[in-house]
Amino acid sequence: MKKQAICLSVLSTLVFGAAPMSPSVWAKSEETQLKTTIIDSKGVEVGTAVLTQKKDVVQIHIEAKNLPPGEHGIHFHETGKCDPPDFTTAGAHFNPQGKQHGFKNPKGYHAGDLLNIHVKADGTVNADLESKTVTLQKGTANSLLKDGGTSLMIHEKADDYVTDPSGNSGARIACSVIR
């Protein structure tokens, strides 16, 4: 068994030009997952976001409570800071390619743009989103795990998917640091 592991390690170095790795590291590198806490404008924890890298897609699972009912824009922002009450410390939308905002914008869209979420009448949301424009792999321009981190922001209104720079989605009402 030990001989096979050494052979696999040498083979990975020769074929992929990589440093020798154990087979268990390979399995872990195919899926990266992190869980973050979502806070409201008073700094109170209102939920969680779980981000999972699966091949070329980042899946986002959001569970939160005590939010205003209705459609809300949600975006990745460029800085890993969520200072209440207005969360301006999170900076602008995550946009490493320098595009305009919105899925319907012919010059867009930001890497941080996501589909709207729906908060139920009781103030809860349980949503699953995905993005092919960001990654959890460190060292790339579109990595959410860049130096200083990024953040996930929920806005007061729905994103119209076209208005630059933020889809006319209003104030920032909840935030989660991604590091």
N, C-alpha and C. Protein backbone atom coordinates (compact mmCIF):
# COMPACT_ATOMS: atom_id res chain seq x y z
N MET A 1 0.83 -1.19 0.00
CA MET A 1 0.00 0.00 0.00
C MET A 1 0.87 1.25 0.00
N LYS A 2 1.91 1.26 0.81
CA LYS A 2 2.79 2.41 0.89
C LYS A 2 3.47 2.65 -0.45
N LYS A 3 3.82 1.56 -1.13
CA LYS A 3 4.47 1.64 -2.42
C LYS A 3 3.53 2.28 -3.44
N GLN A 4 2.22 1.96 -3.39
CA GLN A 4 1.24 2.54 -4.32
C GLN A 4 1.11 4.04 -4.08
N ALA A 5 1.07 4.47 -2.83
CA ALA A 5 0.94 5.90 -2.52
C ALA A 5 2.13 6.67 -3.05
N ILE A 6 3.32 6.12 -2.91
CA ILE A 6 4.52 6.77 -3.42
C ILE A 6 4.46 6.85 -4.94
N CYS A 7 4.02 5.77 -5.59
CA CYS A 7 3.90 5.77 -7.05
C CYS A 7 2.88 6.82 -7.51
N LEU A 8 1.76 6.92 -6.82
CA LEU A 8 0.76 7.92 -7.17
C LEU A 8 1.32 9.32 -7.01
N SER A 9 2.08 9.54 -5.94
CA SER A 9 2.67 10.84 -5.69
C SER A 9 3.66 11.21 -6.79
N VAL A 10 4.52 10.28 -7.16
CA VAL A 10 5.49 10.51 -8.23
C VAL A 10 4.76 10.73 -9.55
N LEU A 11 3.73 9.95 -9.82
CA LEU A 11 2.95 10.09 -11.05
C LEU A 11 2.30 11.47 -11.13
N SER A 12 1.76 11.96 -10.02
CA SER A 12 1.14 13.29 -10.04
C SER A 12 2.18 14.37 -10.33
N THR A 13 3.38 14.19 -9.82
CA THR A 13 4.43 15.16 -10.07
C THR A 13 4.83 15.15 -11.54
N LEU A 14 4.95 13.97 -12.13
CA LEU A 14 5.36 13.87 -13.53
C LEU A 14 4.27 14.33 -14.48
N VAL A 15 3.03 13.93 -14.25
CA VAL A 15 1.94 14.23 -15.16
C VAL A 15 1.43 15.65 -15.00
N PHE A 16 1.24 16.09 -13.76
CA PHE A 16 0.61 17.38 -13.52
C PHE A 16 1.60 18.48 -13.15
N GLY A 17 2.85 18.13 -12.95
CA GLY A 17 3.83 19.13 -12.56
C GLY A 17 3.58 19.65 -11.16
N ALA A 18 2.89 18.88 -10.37
CA ALA A 18 2.53 19.31 -9.02
C ALA A 18 3.46 18.69 -8.00
N ALA A 19 3.50 19.31 -6.85
CA ALA A 19 4.24 18.73 -5.75
C ALA A 19 3.52 17.46 -5.31
N PRO A 20 4.24 16.47 -4.81
CA PRO A 20 3.59 15.24 -4.38
C PRO A 20 2.51 15.52 -3.34
N MET A 21 1.36 14.86 -3.52
CA MET A 21 0.23 15.00 -2.59
C MET A 21 -0.29 13.62 -2.24
N SER A 22 -0.85 13.53 -1.05
CA SER A 22 -1.45 12.26 -0.68
C SER A 22 -2.81 12.15 -1.36
N PRO A 23 -3.31 10.93 -1.63
CA PRO A 23 -4.62 10.77 -2.25
C PRO A 23 -5.75 11.45 -1.49
N SER A 24 -5.66 11.57 -0.15
CA SER A 24 -6.72 12.21 0.61
C SER A 24 -6.80 13.71 0.29
N VAL A 25 -5.69 14.34 -0.05
CA VAL A 25 -5.70 15.75 -0.41
C VAL A 25 -6.43 15.93 -1.74
N TRP A 26 -6.25 15.01 -2.66
CA TRP A 26 -6.94 15.11 -3.95
C TRP A 26 -8.45 15.14 -3.73
N ALA A 27 -8.96 14.26 -2.90
CA ALA A 27 -10.40 14.20 -2.66
C ALA A 27 -10.91 15.51 -2.07
N LYS A 28 -10.17 16.09 -1.14
CA LYS A 28 -10.59 17.33 -0.52
C LYS A 28 -10.52 18.50 -1.50
N SER A 29 -9.57 18.48 -2.43
CA SER A 29 -9.40 19.63 -3.32
C SER A 29 -10.52 19.73 -4.35
N GLU A 30 -11.30 18.67 -4.55
CA GLU A 30 -12.39 18.71 -5.52
C GLU A 30 -13.59 19.49 -5.00
N GLU A 31 -13.72 19.63 -3.67
CA GLU A 31 -14.84 20.36 -3.10
C GLU A 31 -14.36 21.14 -1.89
N THR A 32 -14.57 22.45 -1.94
CA THR A 32 -14.23 23.33 -0.83
C THR A 32 -15.52 23.91 -0.29
N GLN A 33 -15.65 23.98 1.03
CA GLN A 33 -16.87 24.50 1.62
C GLN A 33 -16.54 25.40 2.80
N LEU A 34 -17.28 26.49 2.92
CA LEU A 34 -17.13 27.33 4.11
C LEU A 34 -18.49 27.88 4.51
N LYS A 35 -18.63 28.11 5.81
CA LYS A 35 -19.89 28.60 6.37
C LYS A 35 -19.63 29.97 6.99
N THR A 36 -20.50 30.93 6.70
CA THR A 36 -20.36 32.27 7.22
C THR A 36 -21.62 32.69 7.95
N THR A 37 -21.48 33.67 8.82
CA THR A 37 -22.59 34.20 9.60
C THR A 37 -23.12 35.48 8.94
N ILE A 38 -24.43 35.58 8.82
CA ILE A 38 -25.06 36.78 8.26
C ILE A 38 -25.56 37.63 9.44
N ILE A 39 -25.21 38.94 9.41
CA ILE A 39 -25.69 39.85 10.45
C ILE A 39 -26.57 40.94 9.83
N ASP A 40 -27.45 41.50 10.66
CA ASP A 40 -28.30 42.60 10.18
C ASP A 40 -27.64 43.94 10.50
N SER A 41 -28.34 45.04 10.22
CA SER A 41 -27.78 46.38 10.40
C SER A 41 -27.55 46.75 11.86
N LYS A 42 -28.04 45.93 12.80
CA LYS A 42 -27.78 46.15 14.23
C LYS A 42 -26.63 45.28 14.72
N GLY A 43 -26.07 44.46 13.81
CA GLY A 43 -24.98 43.57 14.18
C GLY A 43 -25.45 42.26 14.78
N VAL A 44 -26.76 41.99 14.70
CA VAL A 44 -27.34 40.77 15.26
C VAL A 44 -27.30 39.66 14.21
N GLU A 45 -26.90 38.46 14.63
CA GLU A 45 -26.87 37.32 13.72
C GLU A 45 -28.30 36.97 13.29
N VAL A 46 -28.50 36.90 11.97
CA VAL A 46 -29.82 36.55 11.44
C VAL A 46 -29.80 35.29 10.59
N GLY A 47 -28.61 34.73 10.35
CA GLY A 47 -28.57 33.52 9.54
C GLY A 47 -27.17 33.10 9.16
N THR A 48 -27.13 32.19 8.19
CA THR A 48 -25.86 31.66 7.71
C THR A 48 -25.89 31.54 6.18
N ALA A 49 -24.70 31.54 5.62
CA ALA A 49 -24.52 31.24 4.21
C ALA A 49 -23.45 30.17 4.12
N VAL A 50 -23.72 29.12 3.35
CA VAL A 50 -22.75 28.05 3.13
C VAL A 50 -22.36 28.12 1.66
N LEU A 51 -21.07 28.31 1.41
CA LEU A 51 -20.54 28.38 0.05
C LEU A 51 -19.77 27.10 -0.22
N THR A 52 -20.07 26.48 -1.35
CA THR A 52 -19.43 25.22 -1.71
C THR A 52 -18.91 25.30 -3.13
N GLN A 53 -17.62 25.06 -3.29
CA GLN A 53 -17.00 25.01 -4.63
C GLN A 53 -17.14 23.58 -5.13
N LYS A 54 -17.84 23.41 -6.25
CA LYS A 54 -17.98 22.11 -6.91
C LYS A 54 -17.58 22.30 -8.36
N LYS A 55 -16.41 21.80 -8.71
CA LYS A 55 -15.84 21.99 -10.04
C LYS A 55 -15.79 23.48 -10.36
N ASP A 56 -16.47 23.95 -11.41
CA ASP A 56 -16.39 25.36 -11.80
C ASP A 56 -17.56 26.20 -11.29
N VAL A 57 -18.28 25.72 -10.28
CA VAL A 57 -19.46 26.40 -9.76
C VAL A 57 -19.31 26.60 -8.25
N VAL A 58 -19.70 27.81 -7.78
CA VAL A 58 -19.82 28.04 -6.35
C VAL A 58 -21.30 28.02 -6.03
N GLN A 59 -21.71 27.08 -5.19
CA GLN A 59 -23.10 26.99 -4.75
C GLN A 59 -23.23 27.76 -3.44
N ILE A 60 -24.32 28.50 -3.31
CA ILE A 60 -24.56 29.31 -2.13
C ILE A 60 -25.89 28.88 -1.52
N HIS A 61 -25.86 28.45 -0.26
CA HIS A 61 -27.09 28.09 0.45
C HIS A 61 -27.27 29.11 1.57
N ILE A 62 -28.40 29.79 1.56
CA ILE A 62 -28.68 30.85 2.53
C ILE A 62 -29.89 30.47 3.37
N GLU A 63 -29.73 30.59 4.68
CA GLU A 63 -30.85 30.45 5.61
C GLU A 63 -30.78 31.65 6.55
N ALA A 64 -31.87 32.42 6.60
CA ALA A 64 -31.89 33.60 7.47
C ALA A 64 -33.30 33.88 7.95
N LYS A 65 -33.39 34.71 8.98
CA LYS A 65 -34.68 35.09 9.57
C LYS A 65 -34.64 36.58 9.91
N ASN A 66 -35.80 37.10 10.27
CA ASN A 66 -35.94 38.50 10.68
C ASN A 66 -35.53 39.49 9.60
N LEU A 67 -35.82 39.14 8.35
CA LEU A 67 -35.58 40.04 7.22
C LEU A 67 -36.92 40.55 6.71
N PRO A 68 -36.94 41.70 6.04
CA PRO A 68 -38.21 42.20 5.50
C PRO A 68 -38.70 41.29 4.37
N PRO A 69 -39.99 40.95 4.35
CA PRO A 69 -40.53 40.09 3.29
C PRO A 69 -40.38 40.72 1.90
N GLY A 70 -40.29 39.87 0.89
CA GLY A 70 -40.24 40.34 -0.49
C GLY A 70 -38.97 39.91 -1.21
N GLU A 71 -38.80 40.46 -2.42
CA GLU A 71 -37.63 40.17 -3.26
C GLU A 71 -36.47 41.07 -2.83
N HIS A 72 -35.27 40.47 -2.77
CA HIS A 72 -34.08 41.22 -2.36
C HIS A 72 -32.91 40.89 -3.26
N GLY A 73 -32.19 41.95 -3.66
CA GLY A 73 -30.94 41.74 -4.37
C GLY A 73 -29.91 41.18 -3.42
N ILE A 74 -29.02 40.36 -3.95
CA ILE A 74 -27.93 39.79 -3.16
C ILE A 74 -26.71 39.74 -4.07
N HIS A 75 -25.58 40.16 -3.52
CA HIS A 75 -24.37 40.26 -4.33
C HIS A 75 -23.15 39.93 -3.48
N PHE A 76 -22.08 39.52 -4.15
CA PHE A 76 -20.78 39.46 -3.50
C PHE A 76 -20.19 40.86 -3.60
N HIS A 77 -19.61 41.34 -2.50
CA HIS A 77 -18.95 42.65 -2.49
C HIS A 77 -17.45 42.46 -2.34
N GLU A 78 -16.69 43.51 -2.69
CA GLU A 78 -15.25 43.42 -2.88
C GLU A 78 -14.39 43.34 -1.62
N THR A 79 -14.94 43.64 -0.45
CA THR A 79 -14.14 43.69 0.77
C THR A 79 -14.78 42.83 1.86
N GLY A 80 -13.95 42.15 2.60
CA GLY A 80 -14.42 41.28 3.67
C GLY A 80 -14.64 42.00 4.98
N LYS A 81 -15.50 43.02 4.97
CA LYS A 81 -15.86 43.76 6.18
C LYS A 81 -17.36 44.01 6.17
N CYS A 82 -17.98 43.82 7.32
CA CYS A 82 -19.42 44.05 7.46
C CYS A 82 -19.67 44.89 8.70
N ASP A 83 -19.33 46.17 8.64
CA ASP A 83 -19.53 47.05 9.78
C ASP A 83 -20.92 47.68 9.72
N PRO A 84 -21.78 47.35 10.71
CA PRO A 84 -23.11 47.94 10.74
C PRO A 84 -23.00 49.44 11.03
N PRO A 85 -24.01 50.23 10.75
CA PRO A 85 -25.33 49.80 10.30
C PRO A 85 -25.48 49.74 8.78
N ASP A 86 -24.59 50.41 8.03
CA ASP A 86 -24.84 50.52 6.58
C ASP A 86 -23.95 49.63 5.72
N PHE A 87 -23.00 48.95 6.32
CA PHE A 87 -22.13 47.99 5.64
C PHE A 87 -21.34 48.59 4.47
N THR A 88 -21.09 49.89 4.49
CA THR A 88 -20.32 50.50 3.41
C THR A 88 -18.87 50.00 3.39
N THR A 89 -18.42 49.45 4.52
CA THR A 89 -17.05 48.92 4.58
C THR A 89 -16.86 47.72 3.65
N ALA A 90 -17.95 47.14 3.17
CA ALA A 90 -17.86 46.01 2.24
C ALA A 90 -17.48 46.46 0.83
N GLY A 91 -17.49 47.77 0.59
CA GLY A 91 -17.11 48.28 -0.72
C GLY A 91 -18.18 48.02 -1.78
N ALA A 92 -17.76 48.11 -3.02
CA ALA A 92 -18.66 47.92 -4.16
C ALA A 92 -18.84 46.44 -4.47
N HIS A 93 -19.62 46.16 -5.49
CA HIS A 93 -19.79 44.77 -5.94
C HIS A 93 -18.44 44.19 -6.36
N PHE A 94 -18.26 42.92 -6.13
CA PHE A 94 -17.05 42.21 -6.55
C PHE A 94 -17.03 42.21 -8.07
N ASN A 95 -16.02 42.84 -8.66
CA ASN A 95 -16.01 43.08 -10.09
C ASN A 95 -14.58 43.10 -10.64
N PRO A 96 -13.85 41.99 -10.52
CA PRO A 96 -12.45 41.99 -10.94
C PRO A 96 -12.25 42.22 -12.44
N GLN A 97 -13.26 41.99 -13.27
CA GLN A 97 -13.12 42.20 -14.71
C GLN A 97 -13.52 43.61 -15.14
N GLY A 98 -13.99 44.44 -14.23
CA GLY A 98 -14.34 45.82 -14.53
C GLY A 98 -15.55 45.97 -15.45
N LYS A 99 -16.53 45.10 -15.29
CA LYS A 99 -17.74 45.16 -16.12
C LYS A 99 -18.80 46.03 -15.47
N GLN A 100 -19.88 46.30 -16.19
CA GLN A 100 -21.01 47.01 -15.62
C GLN A 100 -21.93 46.00 -14.94
N HIS A 101 -22.93 46.51 -14.23
CA HIS A 101 -23.80 45.64 -13.43
C HIS A 101 -24.97 45.08 -14.24
N GLY A 102 -25.36 43.88 -13.90
CA GLY A 102 -26.65 43.34 -14.30
C GLY A 102 -26.63 42.28 -15.38
N PHE A 103 -27.38 41.23 -15.12
CA PHE A 103 -27.50 40.12 -16.08
C PHE A 103 -28.12 40.58 -17.40
N LYS A 104 -28.94 41.65 -17.37
CA LYS A 104 -29.58 42.15 -18.59
C LYS A 104 -28.80 43.30 -19.23
N ASN A 105 -27.69 43.68 -18.64
CA ASN A 105 -26.89 44.79 -19.15
C ASN A 105 -25.96 44.27 -20.24
N PRO A 106 -26.03 44.82 -21.45
CA PRO A 106 -25.17 44.33 -22.53
C PRO A 106 -23.67 44.49 -22.24
N LYS A 107 -23.33 45.37 -21.30
CA LYS A 107 -21.92 45.57 -20.93
C LYS A 107 -21.58 44.85 -19.62
N GLY A 108 -22.53 44.15 -19.05
CA GLY A 108 -22.35 43.53 -17.73
C GLY A 108 -22.00 42.08 -17.88
N TYR A 109 -21.84 41.44 -16.88
CA TYR A 109 -22.27 41.68 -15.52
C TYR A 109 -21.11 41.49 -14.57
N HIS A 110 -21.26 41.99 -13.34
CA HIS A 110 -20.21 41.83 -12.33
C HIS A 110 -20.07 40.36 -11.95
N ALA A 111 -18.87 39.97 -11.58
CA ALA A 111 -18.67 38.61 -11.06
C ALA A 111 -19.50 38.40 -9.80
N GLY A 112 -19.77 39.46 -9.06
CA GLY A 112 -20.52 39.37 -7.81
C GLY A 112 -22.03 39.40 -7.95
N ASP A 113 -22.54 39.54 -9.17
CA ASP A 113 -23.99 39.57 -9.37
C ASP A 113 -24.60 38.20 -9.16
N LEU A 114 -25.71 38.16 -8.44
CA LEU A 114 -26.45 36.92 -8.18
C LEU A 114 -27.93 37.17 -8.43
N LEU A 115 -28.70 36.11 -8.57
CA LEU A 115 -30.15 36.23 -8.72
C LEU A 115 -30.78 36.69 -7.40
N ASN A 116 -31.91 37.36 -7.48
CA ASN A 116 -32.63 37.81 -6.29
C ASN A 116 -33.05 36.62 -5.42
N ILE A 117 -33.25 36.92 -4.15
CA ILE A 117 -33.80 35.92 -3.23
C ILE A 117 -35.17 36.40 -2.78
N HIS A 118 -36.01 35.47 -2.36
CA HIS A 118 -37.35 35.80 -1.89
C HIS A 118 -37.45 35.49 -0.39
N VAL A 119 -37.76 36.52 0.38
CA VAL A 119 -37.99 36.36 1.82
C VAL A 119 -39.49 36.22 2.02
N LYS A 120 -39.88 35.16 2.75
CA LYS A 120 -41.30 34.87 2.99
C LYS A 120 -41.92 35.92 3.92
N ALA A 121 -43.24 35.88 4.02
CA ALA A 121 -43.99 36.82 4.86
C ALA A 121 -43.55 36.76 6.32
N ASP A 122 -43.05 35.60 6.77
CA ASP A 122 -42.61 35.47 8.16
C ASP A 122 -41.17 35.95 8.38
N GLY A 123 -40.55 36.52 7.34
CA GLY A 123 -39.20 37.06 7.46
C GLY A 123 -38.08 36.06 7.28
N THR A 124 -38.41 34.85 6.83
CA THR A 124 -37.38 33.82 6.64
C THR A 124 -37.06 33.63 5.16
N VAL A 125 -35.86 33.18 4.93
CA VAL A 125 -35.43 32.82 3.58
C VAL A 125 -34.60 31.54 3.68
N ASN A 126 -34.83 30.67 2.73
CA ASN A 126 -34.06 29.44 2.58
C ASN A 126 -33.84 29.33 1.07
N ALA A 127 -32.67 29.74 0.60
CA ALA A 127 -32.45 29.86 -0.84
C ALA A 127 -31.15 29.18 -1.26
N ASP A 128 -31.16 28.69 -2.49
CA ASP A 128 -29.98 28.09 -3.10
C ASP A 128 -29.69 28.83 -4.40
N LEU A 129 -28.47 29.35 -4.50
CA LEU A 129 -28.00 30.07 -5.67
C LEU A 129 -26.71 29.44 -6.15
N GLU A 130 -26.26 29.83 -7.35
CA GLU A 130 -24.95 29.39 -7.79
C GLU A 130 -24.33 30.46 -8.67
N SER A 131 -23.01 30.41 -8.73
CA SER A 131 -22.27 31.35 -9.55
C SER A 131 -21.13 30.63 -10.26
N LYS A 132 -21.01 30.89 -11.55
CA LYS A 132 -19.88 30.36 -12.33
C LYS A 132 -18.83 31.44 -12.56
N THR A 133 -19.04 32.64 -12.00
CA THR A 133 -18.11 33.75 -12.22
C THR A 133 -17.15 33.99 -11.06
N VAL A 134 -17.32 33.25 -9.97
CA VAL A 134 -16.42 33.36 -8.82
C VAL A 134 -15.91 31.97 -8.47
N THR A 135 -14.91 31.96 -7.60
CA THR A 135 -14.34 30.69 -7.14
C THR A 135 -13.92 30.81 -5.68
N LEU A 136 -13.77 29.67 -5.03
CA LEU A 136 -13.20 29.61 -3.69
C LEU A 136 -11.74 29.16 -3.74
N GLN A 137 -11.22 29.03 -4.95
CA GLN A 137 -9.82 28.65 -5.12
C GLN A 137 -8.96 29.90 -4.99
N LYS A 138 -8.04 29.90 -4.05
CA LYS A 138 -7.19 31.07 -3.82
C LYS A 138 -6.23 31.27 -4.99
N GLY A 139 -5.84 32.53 -5.17
CA GLY A 139 -4.81 32.84 -6.15
C GLY A 139 -5.31 33.22 -7.53
N THR A 140 -6.61 33.34 -7.73
CA THR A 140 -7.14 33.78 -9.02
C THR A 140 -7.86 35.11 -8.84
N ALA A 141 -7.97 35.88 -9.92
CA ALA A 141 -8.58 37.21 -9.84
C ALA A 141 -10.03 37.16 -9.37
N ASN A 142 -10.74 36.08 -9.68
CA ASN A 142 -12.15 35.98 -9.31
C ASN A 142 -12.38 35.18 -8.03
N SER A 143 -11.36 35.05 -7.20
CA SER A 143 -11.49 34.29 -5.95
C SER A 143 -12.14 35.14 -4.86
N LEU A 144 -13.16 34.57 -4.23
CA LEU A 144 -13.80 35.22 -3.09
C LEU A 144 -12.88 35.20 -1.87
N LEU A 145 -11.85 34.36 -1.92
CA LEU A 145 -10.91 34.23 -0.80
C LEU A 145 -9.63 35.01 -1.07
N LYS A 146 -9.76 36.17 -1.71
CA LYS A 146 -8.62 37.03 -2.00
C LYS A 146 -8.12 37.67 -0.70
N ASP A 147 -6.95 38.31 -0.75
CA ASP A 147 -6.44 39.02 0.42
C ASP A 147 -7.49 40.02 0.89
N GLY A 148 -7.80 40.00 2.17
CA GLY A 148 -8.80 40.90 2.73
C GLY A 148 -10.21 40.35 2.65
N GLY A 149 -10.39 39.26 1.91
CA GLY A 149 -11.69 38.62 1.81
C GLY A 149 -12.68 39.40 0.97
N THR A 150 -13.91 38.91 0.96
CA THR A 150 -15.04 39.54 0.27
C THR A 150 -16.23 39.44 1.21
N SER A 151 -17.40 39.82 0.74
CA SER A 151 -18.59 39.70 1.58
C SER A 151 -19.79 39.36 0.72
N LEU A 152 -20.82 38.87 1.37
CA LEU A 152 -22.10 38.57 0.73
C LEU A 152 -23.11 39.54 1.32
N MET A 153 -23.78 40.30 0.44
CA MET A 153 -24.66 41.38 0.89
C MET A 153 -26.09 41.15 0.43
N ILE A 154 -27.04 41.35 1.35
CA ILE A 154 -28.47 41.34 1.01
C ILE A 154 -28.94 42.79 1.03
N HIS A 155 -29.65 43.20 -0.02
CA HIS A 155 -30.12 44.57 -0.16
C HIS A 155 -31.61 44.67 0.15
N GLU A 156 -32.10 45.89 0.37
CA GLU A 156 -33.50 46.11 0.79
C GLU A 156 -34.52 45.84 -0.32
N LYS A 157 -34.13 45.98 -1.58
CA LYS A 157 -35.07 45.81 -2.69
C LYS A 157 -34.51 44.80 -3.70
N ALA A 158 -35.35 44.41 -4.63
CA ALA A 158 -34.94 43.49 -5.69
C ALA A 158 -33.95 44.18 -6.63
N ASP A 159 -33.05 43.41 -7.18
CA ASP A 159 -32.11 43.86 -8.21
C ASP A 159 -32.87 43.86 -9.53
N ASP A 160 -32.78 44.95 -10.30
CA ASP A 160 -33.45 45.00 -11.60
C ASP A 160 -32.60 44.38 -12.72
N TYR A 161 -31.42 43.92 -12.39
CA TYR A 161 -30.50 43.23 -13.30
C TYR A 161 -29.97 44.09 -14.44
N VAL A 162 -30.10 45.42 -14.35
CA VAL A 162 -29.59 46.25 -15.44
C VAL A 162 -28.95 47.55 -14.97
N THR A 163 -29.49 48.20 -13.94
CA THR A 163 -28.99 49.51 -13.52
C THR A 163 -27.60 49.40 -12.90
N ASP A 164 -26.66 50.15 -13.45
CA ASP A 164 -25.30 50.17 -12.95
C ASP A 164 -25.21 51.25 -11.87
N PRO A 165 -24.61 51.06 -10.70
CA PRO A 165 -23.71 49.96 -10.37
C PRO A 165 -24.33 48.85 -9.52
N SER A 166 -25.59 48.99 -9.03
CA SER A 166 -26.08 47.98 -8.07
C SER A 166 -27.48 47.46 -8.34
N GLY A 167 -28.00 47.67 -9.54
CA GLY A 167 -29.30 47.11 -9.86
C GLY A 167 -30.47 47.79 -9.19
N ASN A 168 -30.23 49.03 -8.70
CA ASN A 168 -31.30 49.78 -8.05
C ASN A 168 -31.88 49.00 -6.86
N SER A 169 -31.01 48.27 -6.16
CA SER A 169 -31.47 47.37 -5.11
C SER A 169 -31.51 47.98 -3.72
N GLY A 170 -31.19 49.26 -3.61
CA GLY A 170 -31.37 49.96 -2.34
C GLY A 170 -30.31 49.70 -1.30
N ALA A 171 -30.67 50.02 -0.07
CA ALA A 171 -29.75 49.95 1.07
C ALA A 171 -29.29 48.52 1.33
N ARG A 172 -28.19 48.43 2.02
CA ARG A 172 -27.62 47.15 2.43
C ARG A 172 -28.24 46.80 3.79
N ILE A 173 -28.89 45.64 3.88
CA ILE A 173 -29.61 45.31 5.12
C ILE A 173 -29.03 44.12 5.89
N ALA A 174 -28.22 43.29 5.24
CA ALA A 174 -27.59 42.16 5.93
C ALA A 174 -26.30 41.81 5.21
N CYS A 175 -25.32 41.32 5.97
CA CYS A 175 -23.99 41.13 5.40
C CYS A 175 -23.30 39.94 6.07
N SER A 176 -22.42 39.31 5.30
CA SER A 176 -21.66 38.16 5.77
C SER A 176 -20.23 38.25 5.23
N VAL A 177 -19.24 38.14 6.09
CA VAL A 177 -17.84 38.19 5.69
C VAL A 177 -17.41 36.83 5.15
N ILE A 178 -16.69 36.85 4.03
CA ILE A 178 -16.17 35.62 3.41
C ILE A 178 -14.66 35.67 3.48
N ARG A 179 -14.06 34.75 4.24
CA ARG A 179 -12.59 34.66 4.36
C ARG A 179 -12.18 33.23 4.46
